[in-house]
Amino acid sequence: MNPAHVHLLLNHIPVVGIWLGIALYLVALVRKPEWRSLSLGVFALMAVLTIPAYLSGEPAEEMIHGLPGVSEATVEAHEEAAVPALIAMLVLGAVAAGGLMRFRAAASWPRGYGWIVLILALIAGGLIGRTANLGAHIRHPEIRSTTPAGAVESGETHESEGQESR
């Protein structure tokens, strides 16, 4: 397995996991207070798992540097977005871990703490989602806002290619 493959495998976990944690947290706030600790645990775990995803980025960048279709500007935008996403995830993870230790046995949490966690989670989720989206643009030209020359304008589709080969 090469560094780019490792990075692709690792980065999906916190991107999906943060939104799972947010969903659990919202359910905990509205209906199932017993899920609070579970959601905080998910936030703390996703923060920890963000570290290897972030650290695997540099070796992945070195591997794809110079490949056809890889824009240095796109890679840089992804890399620059990763830093605030990592920081937000680590702050959320620290606040969640602190809450787990402090409020685990408590019947209720201070209202301010609940709002802080929710706001941090939404910020972290947005930042990590943006980072993932920018990363997807590195090797997926079909999702970029500009269409490569000849891609759609020619009117060719994958279906017509398949029919020609029959």
N, C-alpha and C. Protein backbone atom coordinates (compact mmCIF):
# COMPACT_ATOMS: atom_id res chain seq x y z
N MET A 1 0.86 -1.17 0.00
CA MET A 1 0.00 0.00 0.00
C MET A 1 0.91 1.24 0.00
N ASN A 2 0.61 2.17 -0.90
CA ASN A 2 1.46 3.36 -1.01
C ASN A 2 0.91 4.50 -0.15
N PRO A 3 1.71 5.57 0.04
CA PRO A 3 1.28 6.68 0.91
C PRO A 3 -0.02 7.35 0.49
N ALA A 4 -0.25 7.47 -0.80
CA ALA A 4 -1.50 8.10 -1.26
C ALA A 4 -2.70 7.23 -0.88
N HIS A 5 -2.54 5.91 -1.00
CA HIS A 5 -3.61 4.99 -0.63
C HIS A 5 -3.88 5.06 0.87
N VAL A 6 -2.83 5.10 1.66
CA VAL A 6 -2.99 5.21 3.12
C VAL A 6 -3.75 6.49 3.47
N HIS A 7 -3.37 7.60 2.85
CA HIS A 7 -4.04 8.87 3.13
C HIS A 7 -5.52 8.80 2.77
N LEU A 8 -5.82 8.23 1.62
CA LEU A 8 -7.22 8.11 1.20
C LEU A 8 -8.02 7.23 2.16
N LEU A 9 -7.42 6.17 2.64
CA LEU A 9 -8.12 5.30 3.59
C LEU A 9 -8.36 5.99 4.93
N LEU A 10 -7.34 6.68 5.42
CA LEU A 10 -7.43 7.28 6.75
C LEU A 10 -8.34 8.50 6.79
N ASN A 11 -8.36 9.31 5.74
CA ASN A 11 -9.08 10.58 5.85
C ASN A 11 -10.59 10.44 5.83
N HIS A 12 -11.11 9.34 5.35
CA HIS A 12 -12.56 9.17 5.33
C HIS A 12 -13.14 8.93 6.73
N ILE A 13 -12.36 8.37 7.62
CA ILE A 13 -12.87 8.02 8.95
C ILE A 13 -13.30 9.26 9.73
N PRO A 14 -12.43 10.26 9.93
CA PRO A 14 -12.90 11.43 10.68
C PRO A 14 -13.93 12.27 9.93
N VAL A 15 -13.89 12.26 8.61
CA VAL A 15 -14.86 13.05 7.84
C VAL A 15 -16.28 12.51 8.06
N VAL A 16 -16.43 11.20 8.02
CA VAL A 16 -17.74 10.59 8.25
C VAL A 16 -18.05 10.56 9.75
N GLY A 17 -17.04 10.24 10.54
CA GLY A 17 -17.23 10.09 11.98
C GLY A 17 -17.69 11.35 12.69
N ILE A 18 -17.20 12.51 12.27
CA ILE A 18 -17.61 13.76 12.93
C ILE A 18 -19.11 13.97 12.75
N TRP A 19 -19.62 13.66 11.55
CA TRP A 19 -21.06 13.86 11.30
C TRP A 19 -21.90 12.80 12.01
N LEU A 20 -21.36 11.60 12.19
CA LEU A 20 -22.03 10.60 13.02
C LEU A 20 -22.10 11.11 14.46
N GLY A 21 -21.00 11.65 14.94
CA GLY A 21 -20.97 12.22 16.30
C GLY A 21 -21.96 13.36 16.46
N ILE A 22 -22.06 14.22 15.45
CA ILE A 22 -23.01 15.33 15.51
C ILE A 22 -24.44 14.80 15.56
N ALA A 23 -24.74 13.80 14.73
CA ALA A 23 -26.09 13.22 14.74
C ALA A 23 -26.41 12.61 16.10
N LEU A 24 -25.47 11.86 16.66
CA LEU A 24 -25.67 11.27 18.00
C LEU A 24 -25.86 12.35 19.05
N TYR A 25 -25.08 13.40 18.94
CA TYR A 25 -25.15 14.49 19.91
C TYR A 25 -26.50 15.19 19.85
N LEU A 26 -27.00 15.43 18.65
CA LEU A 26 -28.30 16.08 18.50
C LEU A 26 -29.42 15.20 19.07
N VAL A 27 -29.33 13.89 18.83
CA VAL A 27 -30.32 12.97 19.41
C VAL A 27 -30.21 13.00 20.93
N ALA A 28 -28.99 13.06 21.44
CA ALA A 28 -28.79 13.12 22.90
C ALA A 28 -29.40 14.39 23.48
N LEU A 29 -29.27 15.49 22.78
CA LEU A 29 -29.82 16.75 23.28
C LEU A 29 -31.34 16.75 23.28
N VAL A 30 -31.94 16.10 22.29
CA VAL A 30 -33.39 16.17 22.12
C VAL A 30 -34.12 15.03 22.83
N ARG A 31 -33.61 13.80 22.72
CA ARG A 31 -34.39 12.66 23.20
C ARG A 31 -33.66 11.68 24.11
N LYS A 32 -32.41 11.44 23.88
CA LYS A 32 -31.70 10.37 24.58
C LYS A 32 -30.49 10.90 25.32
N PRO A 33 -30.68 11.50 26.49
CA PRO A 33 -29.54 12.07 27.21
C PRO A 33 -28.45 11.05 27.53
N GLU A 34 -28.83 9.77 27.57
CA GLU A 34 -27.82 8.74 27.85
C GLU A 34 -26.83 8.59 26.70
N TRP A 35 -27.10 9.16 25.56
CA TRP A 35 -26.19 9.10 24.42
C TRP A 35 -25.15 10.22 24.46
N ARG A 36 -25.22 11.10 25.44
CA ARG A 36 -24.26 12.20 25.51
C ARG A 36 -22.83 11.69 25.59
N SER A 37 -22.60 10.75 26.48
CA SER A 37 -21.24 10.23 26.63
C SER A 37 -20.77 9.53 25.37
N LEU A 38 -21.67 8.82 24.71
CA LEU A 38 -21.32 8.15 23.46
C LEU A 38 -20.89 9.18 22.41
N SER A 39 -21.65 10.24 22.27
CA SER A 39 -21.31 11.25 21.26
C SER A 39 -19.99 11.94 21.60
N LEU A 40 -19.76 12.22 22.87
CA LEU A 40 -18.47 12.83 23.26
C LEU A 40 -17.32 11.87 22.96
N GLY A 41 -17.54 10.60 23.20
CA GLY A 41 -16.52 9.60 22.88
C GLY A 41 -16.22 9.56 21.39
N VAL A 42 -17.26 9.68 20.57
CA VAL A 42 -17.06 9.71 19.12
C VAL A 42 -16.23 10.94 18.74
N PHE A 43 -16.56 12.10 19.32
CA PHE A 43 -15.79 13.32 19.01
C PHE A 43 -14.32 13.16 19.41
N ALA A 44 -14.08 12.61 20.59
CA ALA A 44 -12.69 12.43 21.05
C ALA A 44 -11.95 11.44 20.15
N LEU A 45 -12.61 10.35 19.79
CA LEU A 45 -11.98 9.35 18.92
C LEU A 45 -11.68 9.93 17.53
N MET A 46 -12.62 10.68 16.98
CA MET A 46 -12.40 11.28 15.65
C MET A 46 -11.25 12.28 15.69
N ALA A 47 -11.11 12.99 16.80
CA ALA A 47 -9.98 13.92 16.93
C ALA A 47 -8.66 13.16 16.87
N VAL A 48 -8.59 12.05 17.58
CA VAL A 48 -7.37 11.24 17.58
C VAL A 48 -7.10 10.68 16.18
N LEU A 49 -8.15 10.22 15.50
CA LEU A 49 -7.98 9.63 14.17
C LEU A 49 -7.68 10.67 13.09
N THR A 50 -7.93 11.93 13.38
CA THR A 50 -7.59 12.99 12.44
C THR A 50 -6.07 13.16 12.34
N ILE A 51 -5.37 12.86 13.41
CA ILE A 51 -3.91 13.05 13.42
C ILE A 51 -3.22 12.19 12.36
N PRO A 52 -3.43 10.86 12.31
CA PRO A 52 -2.76 10.10 11.25
C PRO A 52 -3.25 10.47 9.84
N ALA A 53 -4.51 10.87 9.72
CA ALA A 53 -5.00 11.32 8.41
C ALA A 53 -4.21 12.55 7.96
N TYR A 54 -4.00 13.48 8.89
CA TYR A 54 -3.25 14.70 8.58
C TYR A 54 -1.78 14.37 8.28
N LEU A 55 -1.17 13.56 9.12
CA LEU A 55 0.25 13.24 8.96
C LEU A 55 0.54 12.43 7.69
N SER A 56 -0.44 11.70 7.20
CA SER A 56 -0.24 10.92 5.98
C SER A 56 -0.35 11.79 4.72
N GLY A 57 -0.76 13.04 4.88
CA GLY A 57 -0.94 13.92 3.74
C GLY A 57 0.35 14.29 3.03
N GLU A 58 1.37 14.60 3.78
CA GLU A 58 2.65 15.02 3.17
C GLU A 58 3.27 13.91 2.33
N PRO A 59 3.38 12.67 2.85
CA PRO A 59 3.90 11.59 1.99
C PRO A 59 3.03 11.34 0.76
N ALA A 60 1.72 11.50 0.90
CA ALA A 60 0.83 11.33 -0.25
C ALA A 60 1.09 12.42 -1.28
N GLU A 61 1.30 13.65 -0.80
CA GLU A 61 1.59 14.76 -1.71
C GLU A 61 2.88 14.50 -2.48
N GLU A 62 3.91 14.02 -1.80
CA GLU A 62 5.18 13.74 -2.46
C GLU A 62 5.01 12.69 -3.54
N MET A 63 4.15 11.71 -3.28
CA MET A 63 3.96 10.64 -4.24
C MET A 63 3.24 11.11 -5.50
N ILE A 64 2.25 11.99 -5.36
CA ILE A 64 1.47 12.40 -6.53
C ILE A 64 2.05 13.63 -7.22
N HIS A 65 3.06 14.25 -6.62
CA HIS A 65 3.67 15.45 -7.20
C HIS A 65 4.16 15.14 -8.62
N GLY A 66 3.72 15.95 -9.55
CA GLY A 66 4.16 15.79 -10.93
C GLY A 66 3.33 14.84 -11.76
N LEU A 67 2.35 14.17 -11.17
CA LEU A 67 1.50 13.29 -11.97
C LEU A 67 0.63 14.12 -12.91
N PRO A 68 0.33 13.59 -14.08
CA PRO A 68 -0.53 14.32 -15.02
C PRO A 68 -1.90 14.59 -14.39
N GLY A 69 -2.39 15.80 -14.58
CA GLY A 69 -3.70 16.17 -14.08
C GLY A 69 -3.73 16.63 -12.64
N VAL A 70 -2.58 16.61 -11.96
CA VAL A 70 -2.52 17.05 -10.57
C VAL A 70 -2.04 18.49 -10.54
N SER A 71 -2.89 19.36 -10.06
CA SER A 71 -2.58 20.78 -9.98
C SER A 71 -1.93 21.09 -8.63
N GLU A 72 -0.80 21.75 -8.68
CA GLU A 72 -0.12 22.14 -7.44
C GLU A 72 -0.99 23.08 -6.63
N ALA A 73 -1.73 23.96 -7.30
CA ALA A 73 -2.61 24.90 -6.59
C ALA A 73 -3.73 24.16 -5.86
N THR A 74 -4.25 23.11 -6.46
CA THR A 74 -5.31 22.32 -5.82
C THR A 74 -4.77 21.58 -4.61
N VAL A 75 -3.58 21.03 -4.74
CA VAL A 75 -2.94 20.33 -3.61
C VAL A 75 -2.68 21.32 -2.48
N GLU A 76 -2.17 22.51 -2.81
CA GLU A 76 -1.90 23.53 -1.80
C GLU A 76 -3.17 23.98 -1.08
N ALA A 77 -4.25 24.16 -1.83
CA ALA A 77 -5.52 24.57 -1.21
C ALA A 77 -5.99 23.51 -0.21
N HIS A 78 -5.86 22.25 -0.58
CA HIS A 78 -6.23 21.14 0.31
C HIS A 78 -5.34 21.14 1.56
N GLU A 79 -4.05 21.31 1.35
CA GLU A 79 -3.10 21.31 2.46
C GLU A 79 -3.36 22.47 3.41
N GLU A 80 -3.63 23.64 2.87
CA GLU A 80 -3.90 24.82 3.71
C GLU A 80 -5.21 24.68 4.48
N ALA A 81 -6.19 24.03 3.90
CA ALA A 81 -7.47 23.81 4.58
C ALA A 81 -7.34 22.77 5.69
N ALA A 82 -6.37 21.87 5.55
CA ALA A 82 -6.21 20.79 6.53
C ALA A 82 -5.75 21.29 7.90
N VAL A 83 -4.98 22.36 7.94
CA VAL A 83 -4.45 22.85 9.22
C VAL A 83 -5.57 23.34 10.14
N PRO A 84 -6.44 24.27 9.71
CA PRO A 84 -7.52 24.67 10.62
C PRO A 84 -8.49 23.53 10.92
N ALA A 85 -8.68 22.61 9.98
CA ALA A 85 -9.55 21.46 10.25
C ALA A 85 -8.96 20.59 11.36
N LEU A 86 -7.66 20.34 11.29
CA LEU A 86 -6.99 19.57 12.33
C LEU A 86 -7.11 20.27 13.68
N ILE A 87 -6.85 21.56 13.71
CA ILE A 87 -6.93 22.31 14.96
C ILE A 87 -8.34 22.25 15.54
N ALA A 88 -9.34 22.46 14.70
CA ALA A 88 -10.73 22.42 15.17
C ALA A 88 -11.08 21.04 15.72
N MET A 89 -10.64 19.99 15.03
CA MET A 89 -10.92 18.63 15.51
C MET A 89 -10.24 18.36 16.84
N LEU A 90 -8.99 18.83 16.98
CA LEU A 90 -8.27 18.61 18.24
C LEU A 90 -8.89 19.39 19.40
N VAL A 91 -9.33 20.61 19.14
CA VAL A 91 -10.01 21.39 20.18
C VAL A 91 -11.31 20.70 20.58
N LEU A 92 -12.09 20.28 19.59
CA LEU A 92 -13.33 19.55 19.89
C LEU A 92 -13.03 18.29 20.68
N GLY A 93 -12.02 17.55 20.27
CA GLY A 93 -11.66 16.32 20.98
C GLY A 93 -11.26 16.57 22.41
N ALA A 94 -10.51 17.64 22.65
CA ALA A 94 -10.09 17.98 24.02
C ALA A 94 -11.29 18.38 24.87
N VAL A 95 -12.18 19.20 24.31
CA VAL A 95 -13.37 19.62 25.05
C VAL A 95 -14.27 18.41 25.33
N ALA A 96 -14.40 17.52 24.36
CA ALA A 96 -15.22 16.32 24.54
C ALA A 96 -14.61 15.39 25.59
N ALA A 97 -13.30 15.18 25.52
CA ALA A 97 -12.63 14.32 26.51
C ALA A 97 -12.74 14.92 27.90
N GLY A 98 -12.58 16.24 27.99
CA GLY A 98 -12.75 16.90 29.28
C GLY A 98 -14.15 16.73 29.83
N GLY A 99 -15.14 16.85 28.95
CA GLY A 99 -16.53 16.65 29.37
C GLY A 99 -16.80 15.23 29.80
N LEU A 100 -16.20 14.28 29.11
CA LEU A 100 -16.37 12.88 29.51
C LEU A 100 -15.84 12.65 30.92
N MET A 101 -14.70 13.22 31.21
CA MET A 101 -14.12 13.04 32.55
C MET A 101 -14.90 13.80 33.61
N ARG A 102 -15.34 14.98 33.29
CA ARG A 102 -15.98 15.82 34.29
C ARG A 102 -17.46 15.52 34.52
N PHE A 103 -18.20 15.26 33.44
CA PHE A 103 -19.65 15.16 33.54
C PHE A 103 -20.20 13.75 33.32
N ARG A 104 -19.35 12.76 33.25
CA ARG A 104 -19.81 11.41 32.93
C ARG A 104 -20.92 10.93 33.86
N ALA A 105 -20.76 11.11 35.13
CA ALA A 105 -21.75 10.62 36.09
C ALA A 105 -22.84 11.65 36.39
N ALA A 106 -22.72 12.84 35.87
CA ALA A 106 -23.69 13.89 36.17
C ALA A 106 -25.01 13.63 35.45
N ALA A 107 -26.10 13.94 36.13
CA ALA A 107 -27.43 13.77 35.52
C ALA A 107 -27.66 14.81 34.43
N SER A 108 -27.07 15.97 34.58
CA SER A 108 -27.21 17.00 33.54
C SER A 108 -25.89 17.74 33.40
N TRP A 109 -25.74 18.39 32.26
CA TRP A 109 -24.54 19.17 31.99
C TRP A 109 -24.88 20.64 32.13
N PRO A 110 -23.87 21.44 32.38
CA PRO A 110 -24.11 22.88 32.31
C PRO A 110 -24.53 23.25 30.88
N ARG A 111 -25.54 24.08 30.76
CA ARG A 111 -26.09 24.43 29.44
C ARG A 111 -25.01 25.00 28.52
N GLY A 112 -24.15 25.83 29.04
CA GLY A 112 -23.10 26.43 28.22
C GLY A 112 -22.18 25.40 27.60
N TYR A 113 -21.87 24.35 28.36
CA TYR A 113 -21.00 23.30 27.84
C TYR A 113 -21.64 22.62 26.63
N GLY A 114 -22.91 22.32 26.74
CA GLY A 114 -23.61 21.67 25.63
C GLY A 114 -23.58 22.49 24.35
N TRP A 115 -23.78 23.80 24.49
CA TRP A 115 -23.73 24.68 23.32
C TRP A 115 -22.32 24.79 22.75
N ILE A 116 -21.34 24.85 23.63
CA ILE A 116 -19.94 24.92 23.17
C ILE A 116 -19.59 23.69 22.35
N VAL A 117 -19.96 22.52 22.85
CA VAL A 117 -19.67 21.28 22.12
C VAL A 117 -20.36 21.29 20.76
N LEU A 118 -21.62 21.67 20.73
CA LEU A 118 -22.36 21.69 19.46
C LEU A 118 -21.73 22.66 18.47
N ILE A 119 -21.40 23.84 18.90
CA ILE A 119 -20.79 24.84 18.01
C ILE A 119 -19.42 24.36 17.51
N LEU A 120 -18.60 23.84 18.42
CA LEU A 120 -17.29 23.32 18.01
C LEU A 120 -17.43 22.17 17.02
N ALA A 121 -18.39 21.29 17.27
CA ALA A 121 -18.60 20.14 16.38
C ALA A 121 -19.02 20.60 14.99
N LEU A 122 -19.92 21.57 14.92
CA LEU A 122 -20.36 22.06 13.62
C LEU A 122 -19.23 22.77 12.87
N ILE A 123 -18.43 23.53 13.60
CA ILE A 123 -17.27 24.19 12.98
C ILE A 123 -16.28 23.15 12.47
N ALA A 124 -15.95 22.18 13.33
CA ALA A 124 -15.00 21.13 12.94
C ALA A 124 -15.54 20.32 11.77
N GLY A 125 -16.82 19.99 11.81
CA GLY A 125 -17.43 19.24 10.71
C GLY A 125 -17.39 20.01 9.40
N GLY A 126 -17.67 21.29 9.46
CA GLY A 126 -17.60 22.12 8.26
C GLY A 126 -16.19 22.23 7.71
N LEU A 127 -15.23 22.44 8.60
CA LEU A 127 -13.83 22.58 8.15
C LEU A 127 -13.28 21.28 7.58
N ILE A 128 -13.59 20.17 8.24
CA ILE A 128 -13.05 18.89 7.74
C ILE A 128 -13.76 18.48 6.46
N GLY A 129 -15.05 18.83 6.34
CA GLY A 129 -15.77 18.56 5.10
C GLY A 129 -15.21 19.38 3.94
N ARG A 130 -14.91 20.64 4.20
CA ARG A 130 -14.31 21.50 3.17
C ARG A 130 -12.95 20.95 2.75
N THR A 131 -12.16 20.52 3.72
CA THR A 131 -10.84 19.97 3.42
C THR A 131 -10.98 18.72 2.55
N ALA A 132 -11.91 17.86 2.90
CA ALA A 132 -12.13 16.64 2.11
C ALA A 132 -12.58 16.98 0.69
N ASN A 133 -13.45 17.96 0.57
CA ASN A 133 -13.92 18.37 -0.76
C ASN A 133 -12.76 18.90 -1.60
N LEU A 134 -11.92 19.71 -1.01
CA LEU A 134 -10.75 20.22 -1.74
C LEU A 134 -9.81 19.08 -2.11
N GLY A 135 -9.66 18.11 -1.23
CA GLY A 135 -8.83 16.95 -1.53
C GLY A 135 -9.38 16.12 -2.67
N ALA A 136 -10.70 16.01 -2.73
CA ALA A 136 -11.32 15.25 -3.81
C ALA A 136 -11.07 15.90 -5.16
N HIS A 137 -10.89 17.20 -5.19
CA HIS A 137 -10.63 17.90 -6.45
C HIS A 137 -9.25 17.57 -7.02
N ILE A 138 -8.36 17.03 -6.20
CA ILE A 138 -7.01 16.75 -6.67
C ILE A 138 -7.02 15.73 -7.81
N ARG A 139 -7.77 14.66 -7.66
CA ARG A 139 -7.78 13.61 -8.68
C ARG A 139 -9.16 13.31 -9.26
N HIS A 140 -10.12 14.18 -9.01
CA HIS A 140 -11.46 13.99 -9.55
C HIS A 140 -11.87 15.23 -10.34
N PRO A 141 -11.41 15.36 -11.57
CA PRO A 141 -11.72 16.56 -12.35
C PRO A 141 -13.22 16.71 -12.62
N GLU A 142 -13.97 15.63 -12.55
CA GLU A 142 -15.40 15.72 -12.84
C GLU A 142 -16.18 16.50 -11.80
N ILE A 143 -15.59 16.75 -10.61
CA ILE A 143 -16.30 17.52 -9.59
C ILE A 143 -15.77 18.94 -9.46
N ARG A 144 -14.78 19.29 -10.24
CA ARG A 144 -14.29 20.67 -10.22
C ARG A 144 -15.32 21.59 -10.85
N SER A 145 -15.27 22.86 -10.47
CA SER A 145 -16.26 23.80 -10.99
C SER A 145 -16.05 24.12 -12.46
N THR A 146 -14.84 23.95 -12.96
CA THR A 146 -14.59 24.19 -14.38
C THR A 146 -14.41 22.85 -15.07
N THR A 147 -14.97 22.71 -16.25
CA THR A 147 -14.91 21.47 -17.00
C THR A 147 -13.67 21.47 -17.88
N PRO A 148 -12.87 20.40 -17.84
CA PRO A 148 -11.71 20.32 -18.72
C PRO A 148 -12.15 20.40 -20.18
N ALA A 149 -11.30 21.00 -20.99
CA ALA A 149 -11.62 21.17 -22.41
C ALA A 149 -11.95 19.83 -23.05
N GLY A 150 -13.07 19.78 -23.77
CA GLY A 150 -13.44 18.58 -24.50
C GLY A 150 -14.20 17.55 -23.70
N ALA A 151 -14.35 17.73 -22.39
CA ALA A 151 -14.99 16.70 -21.58
C ALA A 151 -16.48 16.60 -21.83
N VAL A 152 -17.18 17.72 -21.81
CA VAL A 152 -18.63 17.71 -22.01
C VAL A 152 -18.99 18.31 -23.36
N GLU A 153 -18.19 19.28 -23.79
CA GLU A 153 -18.51 19.99 -25.01
C GLU A 153 -18.61 19.07 -26.22
N SER A 154 -17.86 17.97 -26.24
CA SER A 154 -17.88 17.07 -27.39
C SER A 154 -19.16 16.26 -27.46
N GLY A 155 -19.89 16.17 -26.34
CA GLY A 155 -21.13 15.41 -26.32
C GLY A 155 -20.91 13.93 -26.12
N GLU A 156 -19.68 13.49 -25.98
CA GLU A 156 -19.40 12.08 -25.79
C GLU A 156 -19.71 11.68 -24.36
N THR A 157 -20.20 10.47 -24.20
CA THR A 157 -20.48 9.92 -22.88
C THR A 157 -19.83 8.56 -22.77
N HIS A 158 -19.78 8.06 -21.56
CA HIS A 158 -19.23 6.72 -21.35
C HIS A 158 -20.13 5.67 -21.99
N GLU A 159 -21.43 5.94 -22.07
CA GLU A 159 -22.35 4.99 -22.69
C GLU A 159 -22.03 4.81 -24.16
N SER A 160 -21.75 5.91 -24.87
CA SER A 160 -21.46 5.80 -26.29
C SER A 160 -20.13 5.09 -26.52
N GLU A 161 -19.19 5.24 -25.58
CA GLU A 161 -17.92 4.53 -25.70
C GLU A 161 -18.14 3.04 -25.57
N GLY A 162 -19.00 2.65 -24.65
CA GLY A 162 -19.28 1.23 -24.43
C GLY A 162 -19.97 0.61 -25.63
N GLN A 163 -20.84 1.36 -26.32
CA GLN A 163 -21.55 0.83 -27.47
C GLN A 163 -20.61 0.65 -28.65
N GLU A 164 -19.61 1.53 -28.77
CA GLU A 164 -18.67 1.42 -29.88
C GLU A 164 -17.80 0.18 -29.75
N SER A 165 -17.54 -0.27 -28.53
CA SER A 165 -16.64 -1.40 -28.33
C SER A 165 -17.35 -2.74 -28.51
N ARG A 166 -18.67 -2.73 -28.71
CA ARG A 166 -19.41 -4.00 -28.85
C ARG A 166 -19.28 -4.58 -30.21
